Amino acid sequence: MTVVFQRTPNPNAGKFVVGKAVVEGRASKSFFGPEQAAGVPVAEALFALDGVASLFMVEDFITVTKAADADWAALAPRVIATIEAKLE
């Protein structure tokens, strides 16, 4: 599985295209903190990364919103590695 990072018009949000379903059907899931991610392994692991503020998951991608002081150059590779480890 290859996860691809795509920038969005919002500089604090990045789209991580997974290439396989991350949620069932057309439903979406939003998480605004680690408490809401409880029981969803990939979401729990992403919130464990410093700089992750919220998550939106739908179909075959995850949008990660980062903290304002986080840098995509450092955060994106860690997000990709986490998604690949949890969804393979």
Protein backbone atom coordinates (compact mmCIF):
# COMPACT_ATOMS: atom_id res chain seq x y z
CA MET A 1 0.00 0.00 0.00
CA THR A 2 1.25 3.47 -0.86
CA VAL A 3 -0.08 6.52 0.94
CA VAL A 4 0.16 9.81 -0.96
CA PHE A 5 0.20 13.22 0.72
CA GLN A 6 -1.65 16.04 -1.05
CA ARG A 7 -1.75 19.64 0.09
CA THR A 8 -5.16 21.31 0.35
CA PRO A 9 -6.25 24.96 0.11
CA ASN A 10 -6.13 25.01 3.92
CA PRO A 11 -2.42 25.13 4.85
CA ASN A 12 -3.17 23.31 8.12
CA ALA A 13 -4.99 20.40 6.45
CA GLY A 14 -3.39 17.64 4.40
CA LYS A 15 -5.08 14.88 2.44
CA PHE A 16 -3.55 11.40 2.71
CA VAL A 17 -4.85 9.19 -0.10
CA VAL A 18 -4.67 5.58 1.02
CA GLY A 19 -5.81 3.72 -2.10
CA LYS A 20 -8.12 1.43 -0.17
CA ALA A 21 -11.20 1.91 1.96
CA VAL A 22 -10.58 3.53 5.34
CA VAL A 23 -14.28 3.55 6.26
CA GLU A 24 -17.11 1.36 5.08
CA GLY A 25 -19.44 2.65 2.38
CA ARG A 26 -19.90 6.36 1.88
CA ALA A 27 -20.02 7.16 5.58
CA SER A 28 -17.45 9.54 7.00
CA LYS A 29 -15.89 9.84 10.42
CA SER A 30 -14.57 12.98 12.08
CA PHE A 31 -12.43 13.02 15.20
CA PHE A 32 -11.63 16.22 17.07
CA GLY A 33 -9.49 14.69 19.80
CA PRO A 34 -8.00 11.42 21.02
CA GLU A 35 -11.02 10.68 23.19
CA GLN A 36 -13.28 10.51 20.12
CA ALA A 37 -10.76 8.24 18.34
CA ALA A 38 -10.92 5.57 21.04
CA GLY A 39 -11.52 2.16 19.49
CA VAL A 40 -10.39 3.19 15.97
CA PRO A 41 -6.77 1.97 15.76
CA VAL A 42 -5.56 4.19 12.92
CA ALA A 43 -7.15 7.28 14.46
CA GLU A 44 -5.72 6.49 17.89
CA ALA A 45 -2.24 6.08 16.38
CA LEU A 46 -2.49 9.34 14.43
CA PHE A 47 -3.51 11.30 17.52
CA ALA A 48 -0.44 9.90 19.28
CA LEU A 49 1.68 11.96 16.87
CA ASP A 50 2.63 15.44 18.06
CA GLY A 51 0.97 18.03 15.87
CA VAL A 52 -2.22 16.18 14.87
CA ALA A 53 -5.26 18.29 15.80
CA SER A 54 -8.18 16.53 14.06
CA LEU A 55 -9.02 13.84 11.51
CA PHE A 56 -11.62 13.36 8.79
CA MET A 57 -11.90 9.89 7.24
CA VAL A 58 -14.00 9.01 4.21
CA GLU A 59 -13.81 6.45 1.42
CA ASP A 60 -10.10 6.04 0.60
CA PHE A 61 -8.47 9.02 2.27
CA ILE A 62 -7.79 10.68 5.60
CA THR A 63 -7.59 14.43 6.00
CA VAL A 64 -5.34 15.42 8.88
CA THR A 65 -5.56 18.90 10.35
CA LYS A 66 -2.34 19.85 12.07
CA ALA A 67 -1.64 22.23 14.91
CA ALA A 68 -0.69 25.70 13.64
CA ASP A 69 2.90 25.33 14.87
CA ALA A 70 3.44 21.88 13.30
CA ASP A 71 5.39 21.58 10.05
CA TRP A 72 4.22 19.31 7.22
CA ALA A 73 7.83 18.50 6.27
CA ALA A 74 8.25 16.76 9.62
CA LEU A 75 4.68 15.58 10.23
CA ALA A 76 3.62 14.18 6.82
CA PRO A 77 6.21 11.34 6.72
CA ARG A 78 5.19 10.26 10.24
CA VAL A 79 1.50 10.33 9.28
CA ILE A 80 2.20 8.25 6.17
CA ALA A 81 4.22 5.67 8.15
CA THR A 82 1.47 5.45 10.78
CA ILE A 83 -1.30 4.96 8.22
CA GLU A 84 0.70 2.31 6.37
CA ALA A 85 1.47 0.43 9.60
CA LYS A 86 -2.13 0.47 10.85
CA LEU A 87 -3.99 -0.23 7.61
CA GLU A 88 -1.84 -2.92 5.97
